[in-house]
Protein backbone atom coordinates (compact mmCIF):
# COMPACT_ATOMS: atom_id res chain seq x y z
CA UNK A 1 62.74 74.93 62.73
CA UNK A 2 65.75 72.62 62.95
CA UNK A 3 65.85 72.82 66.75
CA UNK A 4 62.10 72.29 67.17
CA UNK A 5 62.14 69.14 65.04
CA UNK A 6 65.34 67.80 66.62
CA UNK A 7 63.70 68.13 70.05
CA UNK A 8 61.03 65.74 68.77
CA UNK A 9 63.52 63.28 67.31
CA UNK A 10 62.80 64.31 63.71
CA UNK A 11 65.75 64.74 61.36
CA UNK A 12 64.04 64.72 57.97
CA UNK A 13 60.56 65.52 56.67
CA UNK A 14 58.64 64.73 53.48
CA UNK A 15 57.54 68.32 53.00
CA UNK A 16 57.66 71.86 54.33
CA UNK A 17 54.91 74.40 53.66
CA UNK A 18 55.67 78.03 54.47
CA UNK A 19 52.82 80.54 54.43
CA UNK A 20 54.66 83.80 54.97
CA UNK A 21 51.62 86.07 54.83
CA UNK A 22 49.81 87.88 57.61
CA UNK A 23 46.91 86.13 59.34
CA UNK A 24 43.45 87.72 59.20
CA UNK A 25 43.05 87.74 63.02
CA UNK A 26 46.27 89.77 63.31
CA UNK A 27 45.08 92.29 60.74
CA UNK A 28 41.65 92.63 62.30
CA UNK A 29 42.86 93.18 65.88
CA UNK A 30 43.27 96.98 66.37
CA UNK A 31 45.63 96.54 69.32
CA UNK A 32 48.22 94.87 67.08
CA UNK A 33 48.58 98.02 64.96
CA UNK A 34 48.94 96.28 61.58
CA UNK A 35 46.02 97.90 59.79
CA UNK A 36 45.09 101.48 58.95
CA UNK A 37 41.45 100.38 58.67
CA UNK A 38 41.05 100.37 62.47
CA UNK A 39 42.60 102.83 64.90
CA UNK A 40 44.98 101.39 67.47
CA UNK A 41 48.50 101.69 68.89
CA UNK A 42 51.22 101.65 66.25
CA UNK A 43 52.81 98.38 67.40
CA UNK A 44 53.22 96.03 64.38
CA UNK A 45 55.35 93.45 66.22
CA UNK A 46 54.60 89.80 65.47
CA UNK A 47 55.98 88.95 68.92
CA UNK A 48 54.66 91.60 71.31
CA UNK A 49 57.00 90.46 74.11
CA UNK A 50 60.19 91.77 72.54
CA UNK A 51 61.67 94.36 70.22
CA UNK A 52 60.75 97.90 69.26
CA UNK A 53 57.27 98.88 68.21
CA UNK A 54 56.82 100.75 64.93
CA UNK A 55 55.98 103.89 66.93
CA UNK A 56 59.20 103.63 68.96
CA UNK A 57 61.30 103.15 65.84
CA UNK A 58 59.67 106.07 64.02
CA UNK A 59 60.28 108.26 67.05
CA UNK A 60 64.05 107.62 67.15
CA UNK A 61 64.98 107.02 63.50
CA UNK A 62 66.26 109.90 61.39
CA UNK A 63 64.53 111.00 58.22
CA UNK A 64 66.98 109.23 55.93
CA UNK A 65 66.46 105.88 57.69
CA UNK A 66 62.70 106.21 57.49
CA UNK A 67 62.86 107.16 53.82
CA UNK A 68 65.10 104.17 52.98
CA UNK A 69 62.87 101.67 54.81
CA UNK A 70 59.69 102.95 53.14
CA UNK A 71 61.35 102.94 49.72
CA UNK A 72 63.06 99.55 50.08
CA UNK A 73 60.32 97.53 51.75
CA UNK A 74 57.29 99.41 50.48
CA UNK A 75 58.60 100.23 46.99
CA UNK A 76 56.95 103.59 47.61
CA UNK A 77 57.87 106.33 45.12
CA UNK A 78 56.78 109.07 47.57
CA UNK A 79 59.06 107.74 50.34
CA UNK A 80 60.93 111.06 50.61
CA UNK A 81 57.77 113.11 51.12
CA UNK A 82 56.30 110.57 53.55
CA UNK A 83 59.45 110.41 55.67
CA UNK A 84 59.61 114.20 55.90
CA UNK A 85 55.94 114.36 56.91
CA UNK A 86 56.42 111.71 59.62
CA UNK A 87 59.41 113.50 61.13
CA UNK A 88 57.54 116.82 61.12
CA UNK A 89 54.55 115.24 62.90
CA UNK A 90 56.40 113.19 65.53
CA UNK A 91 55.53 111.54 67.85
CA UNK A 92 53.31 109.24 65.81
CA UNK A 93 51.53 106.86 68.16
CA UNK A 94 48.47 105.42 66.39
CA UNK A 95 47.62 103.75 63.10
CA UNK A 96 45.05 106.40 62.18
CA UNK A 97 47.54 109.20 62.83
CA UNK A 98 50.12 107.56 60.57
CA UNK A 99 47.56 106.85 57.84
CA UNK A 100 46.46 110.49 57.83
CA UNK A 101 50.06 111.74 57.66
CA UNK A 102 50.81 109.46 54.71
CA UNK A 103 47.53 110.36 53.02
CA UNK A 104 48.46 114.04 53.02
CA UNK A 105 52.00 113.34 51.76
CA UNK A 106 51.10 111.06 48.82
CA UNK A 107 50.23 113.22 45.81
CA UNK A 108 49.05 110.53 43.38
CA UNK A 109 46.74 107.76 44.54
CA UNK A 110 46.51 104.30 43.00
CA UNK A 111 42.96 103.16 42.20
CA UNK A 112 41.62 100.73 44.79
CA UNK A 113 44.57 101.13 47.15
CA UNK A 114 44.81 103.24 50.30
CA UNK A 115 47.78 105.65 50.07
CA UNK A 116 49.20 104.25 53.34
CA UNK A 117 49.27 100.62 52.16
CA UNK A 118 52.92 100.59 51.07
CA UNK A 119 54.14 102.50 54.13
CA UNK A 120 52.39 100.14 56.55
CA UNK A 121 53.85 97.15 54.69
CA UNK A 122 57.35 98.62 54.82
CA UNK A 123 57.24 99.35 58.55
CA UNK A 124 55.86 95.91 59.37
CA UNK A 125 58.57 94.18 57.33
CA UNK A 126 61.27 96.30 58.96
CA UNK A 127 60.05 95.95 62.55
CA UNK A 128 59.82 92.15 62.25
CA UNK A 129 62.87 91.64 59.97
CA UNK A 130 60.60 89.56 57.77
CA UNK A 131 62.88 89.18 54.75
CA UNK A 132 65.85 88.28 56.95
CA UNK A 133 63.71 85.66 58.72
CA UNK A 134 62.70 84.19 55.36
CA UNK A 135 66.31 84.12 54.14
CA UNK A 136 67.32 82.24 57.30
CA UNK A 137 64.42 79.79 57.10
CA UNK A 138 64.64 78.62 53.49
CA UNK A 139 68.07 76.90 53.83
CA UNK A 140 66.89 75.15 57.01
CA UNK A 141 63.77 73.89 55.27
CA UNK A 142 65.76 72.59 52.29
CA UNK A 143 68.25 70.82 54.55
CA UNK A 144 65.47 69.07 56.47
CA UNK A 145 63.83 67.58 53.37
CA UNK A 146 64.34 63.92 52.60
CA UNK A 147 65.17 63.00 48.96
CA UNK A 148 62.04 63.64 46.92
CA UNK A 149 60.64 65.87 49.67
CA UNK A 150 59.08 69.14 48.64
CA UNK A 151 59.32 72.73 49.78
CA UNK A 152 56.25 74.88 49.06
CA UNK A 153 56.23 78.59 49.84
CA UNK A 154 53.26 80.96 49.61
CA UNK A 155 54.29 84.63 49.56
CA UNK A 156 52.15 87.74 49.29
CA UNK A 157 54.28 90.53 47.91
CA UNK A 158 57.05 90.91 45.36
CA UNK A 159 59.89 91.28 47.88
CA UNK A 160 59.10 87.94 49.53
CA UNK A 161 58.55 86.22 46.20
CA UNK A 162 61.88 87.55 44.94
CA UNK A 163 63.69 85.96 47.91
CA UNK A 164 61.97 82.61 47.34
CA UNK A 165 62.52 82.65 43.57
CA UNK A 166 66.21 83.51 43.94
CA UNK A 167 66.73 80.80 46.57
CA UNK A 168 65.14 78.06 44.46
CA UNK A 169 67.05 79.17 41.36
CA UNK A 170 70.38 79.20 43.23
CA UNK A 171 69.79 75.78 44.82
CA UNK A 172 68.66 74.29 41.49
CA UNK A 173 71.84 75.29 39.66
CA UNK A 174 74.86 73.00 39.71
CA UNK A 175 77.19 75.16 37.64
CA UNK A 176 78.27 78.00 39.91
CA UNK A 177 81.75 78.28 38.41
CA UNK A 178 82.94 81.49 36.74
CA UNK A 179 82.16 81.70 33.03
CA UNK A 180 84.73 79.95 30.86
CA UNK A 181 86.06 77.48 33.46
CA UNK A 182 86.51 74.12 31.66
CA UNK A 183 84.41 71.74 33.77
CA UNK A 184 82.71 68.67 32.30
CA UNK A 185 78.96 68.33 32.90
CA UNK A 186 79.54 64.88 34.41
CA UNK A 187 81.79 66.41 37.07
CA UNK A 188 79.29 69.00 38.22
CA UNK A 189 77.71 68.40 41.65
CA UNK A 190 74.02 67.50 41.81
CA UNK A 191 71.94 70.57 42.69
CA UNK A 192 70.20 70.41 46.07
CA UNK A 193 66.77 71.27 44.64
CA UNK A 194 64.72 71.04 41.46
CA UNK A 195 62.11 73.67 40.70
CA UNK A 196 58.67 72.10 40.22
CA UNK A 197 56.59 73.86 37.59
CA UNK A 198 56.03 77.59 37.42
CA UNK A 199 54.71 79.99 40.04
CA UNK A 200 51.03 79.38 40.82
CA UNK A 201 48.62 82.25 41.49
CA UNK A 202 45.11 82.29 42.88
CA UNK A 203 42.34 81.74 40.35
CA UNK A 204 39.67 84.36 39.74
CA UNK A 205 37.22 82.14 41.61
CA UNK A 206 39.49 81.90 44.65
CA UNK A 207 40.03 85.67 44.69
CA UNK A 208 36.27 86.22 44.59
CA UNK A 209 35.87 83.93 47.61
CA UNK A 210 38.94 85.28 49.41
CA UNK A 211 40.09 88.74 48.22
CA UNK A 212 43.25 88.50 50.34
CA UNK A 213 44.48 85.72 48.03
CA UNK A 214 44.80 88.12 45.09
CA UNK A 215 48.53 88.71 45.63
CA UNK A 216 49.44 85.15 46.72
CA UNK A 217 52.18 83.32 44.80
CA UNK A 218 53.04 79.64 45.37
CA UNK A 219 56.47 78.26 44.41
CA UNK A 220 57.50 74.63 44.82
CA UNK A 221 60.87 72.83 44.77
CA UNK A 222 61.82 69.18 45.22
CA UNK A 223 64.88 67.78 47.00
CA UNK A 224 67.23 65.87 44.69
């Protein structure tokens, strides 16, 4: 972000909007391998010109690694059973194959949710290092804002939202000294950001018009 703007002679901006969700065309293209709704190669890379595909990673990773990724990024309580089932069925090359493996391994199903939803999310996040990318981007965005400029971030699952919420809270707090250190309020540095309002979620009407907005969360901060 910083380099791209500098190349255009831009040092500061009035606002940055980050939409860190998936795009519908990506989800609906079987060849990208993001969705279990359509059969295709198990790719999942945002940039198909570099890096390992999900299938390649699943083929080389050990069971413990797979279990940890599915549990951490998918918050999947059946991560152990799913990882064991994947290793037993390797190689796993297509989205349908993976969805069927997960479907057999998950004992309790959540109403209205495919049993493979959390596993697909976890693998996509891991393959693309999505949380690491977000953690690298937020400080750049804040630094580029002019005074009074605003940072707005739309996230679509709890892990992303947690990163955004923690970043805004940390950058909105001036007192980072250990508890009990005698520092006067007047001597505290001005925080970089100020949180603007509370998290905003899609209305019932918006969700009816666009079901994919149901998990969206918008957080906003302003540059001091």
